[in-house]
């Protein structure tokens, strides 16, 4: 039914994690010594909202249609919350696997 949407969402999510998450980890979180779960969850939330914003909202803004922007935000708002939730969840799982296990020694 909506299998294409899942494939598109996965490709956008993985791309956002690689393009934004990897540099964020190396150049911000690791360099500043931030190792708390809340830091990682907030960064994941930010990446999630970015992964929503780029494919859904940016094309409407570039088109210049305010009416289209209002409709796009209203009709895709549940995806924004889902993107934020899944971004924070993914970053929290990364924290549990990679960060927490190395700091508990």
N, C-alpha and C. Protein backbone atom coordinates (compact mmCIF):
# COMPACT_ATOMS: atom_id res chain seq x y z
N UNK A 1 0.83 -1.18 0.00
CA UNK A 1 0.00 0.00 0.00
C UNK A 1 0.88 1.26 0.00
N UNK A 2 1.49 1.58 1.11
CA UNK A 2 2.35 2.76 1.18
C UNK A 2 3.81 2.35 1.36
N UNK A 3 4.20 1.31 0.69
CA UNK A 3 5.57 0.81 0.81
C UNK A 3 6.57 1.83 0.27
N UNK A 4 6.20 2.57 -0.75
CA UNK A 4 7.10 3.57 -1.29
C UNK A 4 7.41 4.65 -0.25
N UNK A 5 6.41 4.96 0.59
CA UNK A 5 6.63 5.98 1.62
C UNK A 5 7.62 5.49 2.66
N UNK A 6 7.53 4.23 3.03
CA UNK A 6 8.49 3.68 3.99
C UNK A 6 9.91 3.67 3.43
N UNK A 7 10.04 3.32 2.16
CA UNK A 7 11.36 3.33 1.52
C UNK A 7 11.92 4.75 1.44
N UNK A 8 11.07 5.69 1.09
CA UNK A 8 11.51 7.08 1.02
C UNK A 8 11.91 7.59 2.40
N UNK A 9 11.11 7.29 3.39
CA UNK A 9 11.41 7.73 4.77
C UNK A 9 12.70 7.12 5.28
N UNK A 10 12.91 5.86 4.99
CA UNK A 10 14.15 5.20 5.42
C UNK A 10 15.36 5.82 4.74
N UNK A 11 15.25 6.10 3.46
CA UNK A 11 16.40 6.69 2.77
C UNK A 11 16.68 8.10 3.27
N UNK A 12 15.65 8.86 3.56
CA UNK A 12 15.85 10.21 4.11
C UNK A 12 16.42 10.13 5.52
N UNK A 13 15.89 9.23 6.35
CA UNK A 13 16.36 9.11 7.72
C UNK A 13 17.81 8.66 7.82
N UNK A 14 18.17 7.64 7.04
CA UNK A 14 19.55 7.17 7.06
C UNK A 14 20.50 8.23 6.49
N UNK A 15 20.07 8.91 5.46
CA UNK A 15 20.90 9.97 4.88
C UNK A 15 21.12 11.09 5.89
N UNK A 16 20.07 11.48 6.58
CA UNK A 16 20.19 12.53 7.58
C UNK A 16 21.09 12.10 8.73
N UNK A 17 20.99 10.84 9.14
CA UNK A 17 21.85 10.34 10.22
C UNK A 17 23.32 10.38 9.81
N UNK A 18 23.60 10.04 8.57
CA UNK A 18 24.99 10.04 8.11
C UNK A 18 25.49 11.46 7.88
N UNK A 19 24.71 12.26 7.15
CA UNK A 19 25.15 13.61 6.78
C UNK A 19 25.22 14.54 7.99
N UNK A 20 24.27 14.46 8.90
CA UNK A 20 24.24 15.36 10.05
C UNK A 20 24.73 14.70 11.34
N UNK A 21 24.38 13.44 11.54
CA UNK A 21 24.70 12.77 12.80
C UNK A 21 26.17 12.48 13.02
N UNK A 22 26.83 12.00 11.99
CA UNK A 22 28.25 11.66 12.14
C UNK A 22 29.09 12.91 12.44
N UNK A 23 28.97 13.99 11.66
CA UNK A 23 29.73 15.20 12.02
C UNK A 23 29.33 15.77 13.38
N UNK A 24 28.04 15.70 13.71
CA UNK A 24 27.58 16.20 15.00
C UNK A 24 28.24 15.43 16.14
N UNK A 25 28.36 14.12 15.96
CA UNK A 25 29.00 13.30 16.98
C UNK A 25 30.48 13.66 17.13
N UNK A 26 31.19 13.69 16.01
CA UNK A 26 32.64 13.91 16.09
C UNK A 26 33.03 15.34 16.42
N UNK A 27 32.33 16.32 15.86
CA UNK A 27 32.76 17.71 16.00
C UNK A 27 32.08 18.46 17.13
N UNK A 28 31.00 17.96 17.66
CA UNK A 28 30.32 18.66 18.75
C UNK A 28 30.30 17.81 20.01
N UNK A 29 29.60 16.68 19.97
CA UNK A 29 29.40 15.89 21.18
C UNK A 29 30.70 15.34 21.74
N UNK A 30 31.51 14.75 20.90
CA UNK A 30 32.76 14.16 21.37
C UNK A 30 33.77 15.23 21.77
N UNK A 31 33.87 16.29 20.99
CA UNK A 31 34.84 17.35 21.26
C UNK A 31 34.51 18.09 22.55
N UNK A 32 33.23 18.30 22.82
CA UNK A 32 32.83 19.01 24.04
C UNK A 32 32.73 18.09 25.25
N UNK A 33 32.82 16.79 25.01
CA UNK A 33 32.74 15.84 26.11
C UNK A 33 31.33 15.60 26.62
N UNK A 34 30.35 15.87 25.81
CA UNK A 34 28.96 15.66 26.21
C UNK A 34 28.62 14.18 26.05
N UNK A 35 28.32 13.52 27.17
CA UNK A 35 28.06 12.09 27.14
C UNK A 35 26.70 11.72 27.73
N UNK A 36 25.88 12.70 28.00
CA UNK A 36 24.58 12.43 28.61
C UNK A 36 23.54 12.01 27.58
N UNK A 37 22.60 11.21 28.05
CA UNK A 37 21.52 10.75 27.19
C UNK A 37 20.71 11.92 26.64
N UNK A 38 20.50 12.94 27.46
CA UNK A 38 19.70 14.08 27.00
C UNK A 38 20.37 14.81 25.84
N UNK A 39 21.70 14.91 25.86
CA UNK A 39 22.40 15.55 24.74
C UNK A 39 22.16 14.80 23.44
N UNK A 40 22.29 13.50 23.50
CA UNK A 40 22.11 12.68 22.30
C UNK A 40 20.66 12.68 21.84
N UNK A 41 19.72 12.62 22.78
CA UNK A 41 18.31 12.62 22.41
C UNK A 41 17.91 13.95 21.76
N UNK A 42 18.41 15.06 22.29
CA UNK A 42 18.10 16.36 21.69
C UNK A 42 18.71 16.51 20.31
N UNK A 43 19.93 16.02 20.14
CA UNK A 43 20.54 16.06 18.80
C UNK A 43 19.77 15.19 17.83
N UNK A 44 19.33 14.03 18.26
CA UNK A 44 18.52 13.17 17.41
C UNK A 44 17.19 13.80 17.06
N UNK A 45 16.61 14.49 18.02
CA UNK A 45 15.36 15.21 17.77
C UNK A 45 15.58 16.28 16.71
N UNK A 46 16.69 16.98 16.79
CA UNK A 46 17.01 18.01 15.79
C UNK A 46 17.23 17.41 14.41
N UNK A 47 17.92 16.29 14.35
CA UNK A 47 18.13 15.62 13.07
C UNK A 47 16.80 15.13 12.51
N UNK A 48 15.94 14.63 13.39
CA UNK A 48 14.62 14.16 12.95
C UNK A 48 13.77 15.27 12.37
N UNK A 49 13.78 16.44 13.00
CA UNK A 49 12.99 17.54 12.47
C UNK A 49 13.59 18.04 11.16
N UNK A 50 14.91 17.98 11.06
CA UNK A 50 15.56 18.35 9.79
C UNK A 50 15.21 17.37 8.68
N UNK A 51 15.13 16.09 9.03
CA UNK A 51 14.77 15.08 8.04
C UNK A 51 13.32 15.26 7.58
N UNK A 52 12.48 15.81 8.41
CA UNK A 52 11.10 16.13 8.02
C UNK A 52 11.06 17.41 7.19
N UNK A 53 11.78 18.41 7.65
CA UNK A 53 11.68 19.74 7.08
C UNK A 53 12.18 19.79 5.63
N UNK A 54 13.30 19.12 5.36
CA UNK A 54 13.92 19.23 4.03
C UNK A 54 13.01 18.70 2.92
N UNK A 55 12.51 17.47 2.98
CA UNK A 55 11.71 17.01 1.83
C UNK A 55 10.27 17.52 1.80
N UNK A 56 9.70 17.89 2.95
CA UNK A 56 8.30 18.29 2.96
C UNK A 56 8.09 19.79 2.82
N UNK A 57 8.93 20.58 3.47
CA UNK A 57 8.67 22.01 3.57
C UNK A 57 9.53 22.84 2.62
N UNK A 58 10.79 22.49 2.45
CA UNK A 58 11.69 23.29 1.61
C UNK A 58 11.17 23.44 0.18
N UNK A 59 10.67 22.39 -0.48
CA UNK A 59 10.15 22.60 -1.84
C UNK A 59 9.00 23.60 -1.90
N UNK A 60 8.16 23.63 -0.89
CA UNK A 60 7.04 24.58 -0.86
C UNK A 60 7.58 26.00 -0.69
N UNK A 61 8.59 26.16 0.17
CA UNK A 61 9.18 27.49 0.38
C UNK A 61 9.84 27.98 -0.90
N UNK A 62 10.57 27.09 -1.58
CA UNK A 62 11.23 27.48 -2.82
C UNK A 62 10.24 27.84 -3.92
N UNK A 63 9.08 27.23 -3.86
CA UNK A 63 8.03 27.54 -4.83
C UNK A 63 7.44 28.92 -4.57
N UNK A 64 7.49 29.36 -3.32
CA UNK A 64 7.01 30.69 -2.96
C UNK A 64 5.53 30.77 -2.67
N UNK A 65 4.89 29.68 -2.38
CA UNK A 65 3.46 29.67 -2.14
C UNK A 65 3.16 29.59 -0.64
N UNK A 66 2.66 30.68 -0.07
CA UNK A 66 2.32 30.67 1.35
C UNK A 66 1.11 29.78 1.62
N UNK A 67 0.16 29.78 0.70
CA UNK A 67 -1.00 28.91 0.87
C UNK A 67 -0.57 27.45 0.84
N UNK A 68 0.33 27.12 -0.07
CA UNK A 68 0.86 25.76 -0.15
C UNK A 68 1.65 25.38 1.08
N UNK A 69 2.39 26.35 1.64
CA UNK A 69 3.17 26.10 2.85
C UNK A 69 2.25 25.80 4.02
N UNK A 70 1.19 26.58 4.17
CA UNK A 70 0.22 26.36 5.26
C UNK A 70 -0.42 24.97 5.13
N UNK A 71 -0.79 24.61 3.92
CA UNK A 71 -1.39 23.29 3.69
C UNK A 71 -0.38 22.17 3.94
N UNK A 72 0.85 22.36 3.49
CA UNK A 72 1.88 21.32 3.66
C UNK A 72 2.18 21.09 5.13
N UNK A 73 2.30 22.15 5.89
CA UNK A 73 2.58 22.00 7.32
C UNK A 73 1.41 21.34 8.02
N UNK A 74 0.20 21.77 7.70
CA UNK A 74 -0.98 21.20 8.34
C UNK A 74 -1.18 19.74 8.01
N UNK A 75 -0.93 19.37 6.77
CA UNK A 75 -1.19 17.99 6.36
C UNK A 75 -0.06 17.03 6.72
N UNK A 76 1.13 17.55 6.97
CA UNK A 76 2.26 16.66 7.28
C UNK A 76 2.74 16.80 8.72
N UNK A 77 2.01 17.54 9.54
CA UNK A 77 2.42 17.74 10.93
C UNK A 77 2.60 16.44 11.72
N UNK A 78 1.76 15.43 11.55
CA UNK A 78 2.02 14.17 12.26
C UNK A 78 3.37 13.55 11.90
N UNK A 79 3.80 13.76 10.65
CA UNK A 79 5.12 13.25 10.26
C UNK A 79 6.24 14.00 10.97
N UNK A 80 6.02 15.28 11.26
CA UNK A 80 7.03 16.05 11.99
C UNK A 80 7.23 15.46 13.39
N UNK A 81 6.14 15.20 14.08
CA UNK A 81 6.24 14.64 15.42
C UNK A 81 6.84 13.23 15.39
N UNK A 82 6.45 12.46 14.39
CA UNK A 82 7.00 11.12 14.25
C UNK A 82 8.50 11.17 13.94
N UNK A 83 8.90 12.10 13.09
CA UNK A 83 10.32 12.26 12.76
C UNK A 83 11.14 12.66 13.99
N UNK A 84 10.59 13.57 14.79
CA UNK A 84 11.29 13.98 16.01
C UNK A 84 11.41 12.82 16.99
N UNK A 85 10.32 12.10 17.17
CA UNK A 85 10.32 10.96 18.08
C UNK A 85 11.32 9.89 17.64
N UNK A 86 11.28 9.53 16.37
CA UNK A 86 12.17 8.49 15.88
C UNK A 86 13.63 8.95 15.86
N UNK A 87 13.87 10.22 15.61
CA UNK A 87 15.23 10.75 15.68
C UNK A 87 15.78 10.67 17.09
N UNK A 88 14.98 11.09 18.07
CA UNK A 88 15.41 11.02 19.46
C UNK A 88 15.59 9.57 19.91
N UNK A 89 14.71 8.70 19.48
CA UNK A 89 14.81 7.28 19.83
C UNK A 89 16.07 6.65 19.22
N UNK A 90 16.35 6.95 17.97
CA UNK A 90 17.54 6.41 17.32
C UNK A 90 18.82 6.89 17.99
N UNK A 91 18.86 8.17 18.33
CA UNK A 91 20.04 8.71 19.01
C UNK A 91 20.18 8.12 20.41
N UNK A 92 19.07 7.86 21.09
CA UNK A 92 19.12 7.24 22.42
C UNK A 92 19.63 5.80 22.34
N UNK A 93 19.22 5.08 21.31
CA UNK A 93 19.73 3.72 21.12
C UNK A 93 21.23 3.76 20.82
N UNK A 94 21.65 4.70 20.00
CA UNK A 94 23.09 4.87 19.74
C UNK A 94 23.82 5.14 21.05
N UNK A 95 23.26 6.00 21.88
CA UNK A 95 23.88 6.31 23.17
C UNK A 95 23.99 5.06 24.04
N UNK A 96 22.92 4.26 24.08
CA UNK A 96 22.94 3.04 24.90
C UNK A 96 24.01 2.05 24.41
N UNK A 97 24.15 1.92 23.11
CA UNK A 97 25.09 0.95 22.56
C UNK A 97 26.53 1.46 22.62
N UNK A 98 26.76 2.68 22.16
CA UNK A 98 28.12 3.14 21.96
C UNK A 98 28.68 3.97 23.12
N UNK A 99 27.89 4.77 23.75
CA UNK A 99 28.42 5.71 24.74
C UNK A 99 28.31 5.16 26.16
N UNK A 100 27.14 4.71 26.52
CA UNK A 100 26.93 4.23 27.89
C UNK A 100 27.82 3.04 28.22
N UNK A 101 27.97 2.14 27.25
CA UNK A 101 28.78 0.95 27.50
C UNK A 101 30.26 1.28 27.69
N UNK A 102 30.73 2.37 27.09
CA UNK A 102 32.14 2.75 27.26
C UNK A 102 32.38 3.60 28.48
N UNK A 103 31.35 4.25 29.02
CA UNK A 103 31.54 5.12 30.18
C UNK A 103 31.25 4.41 31.50
N UNK A 104 30.77 3.18 31.47
CA UNK A 104 30.41 2.47 32.69
C UNK A 104 31.55 1.62 33.24
N UNK A 105 32.74 1.74 32.77
CA UNK A 105 33.83 0.86 33.19
C UNK A 105 34.35 1.18 34.55
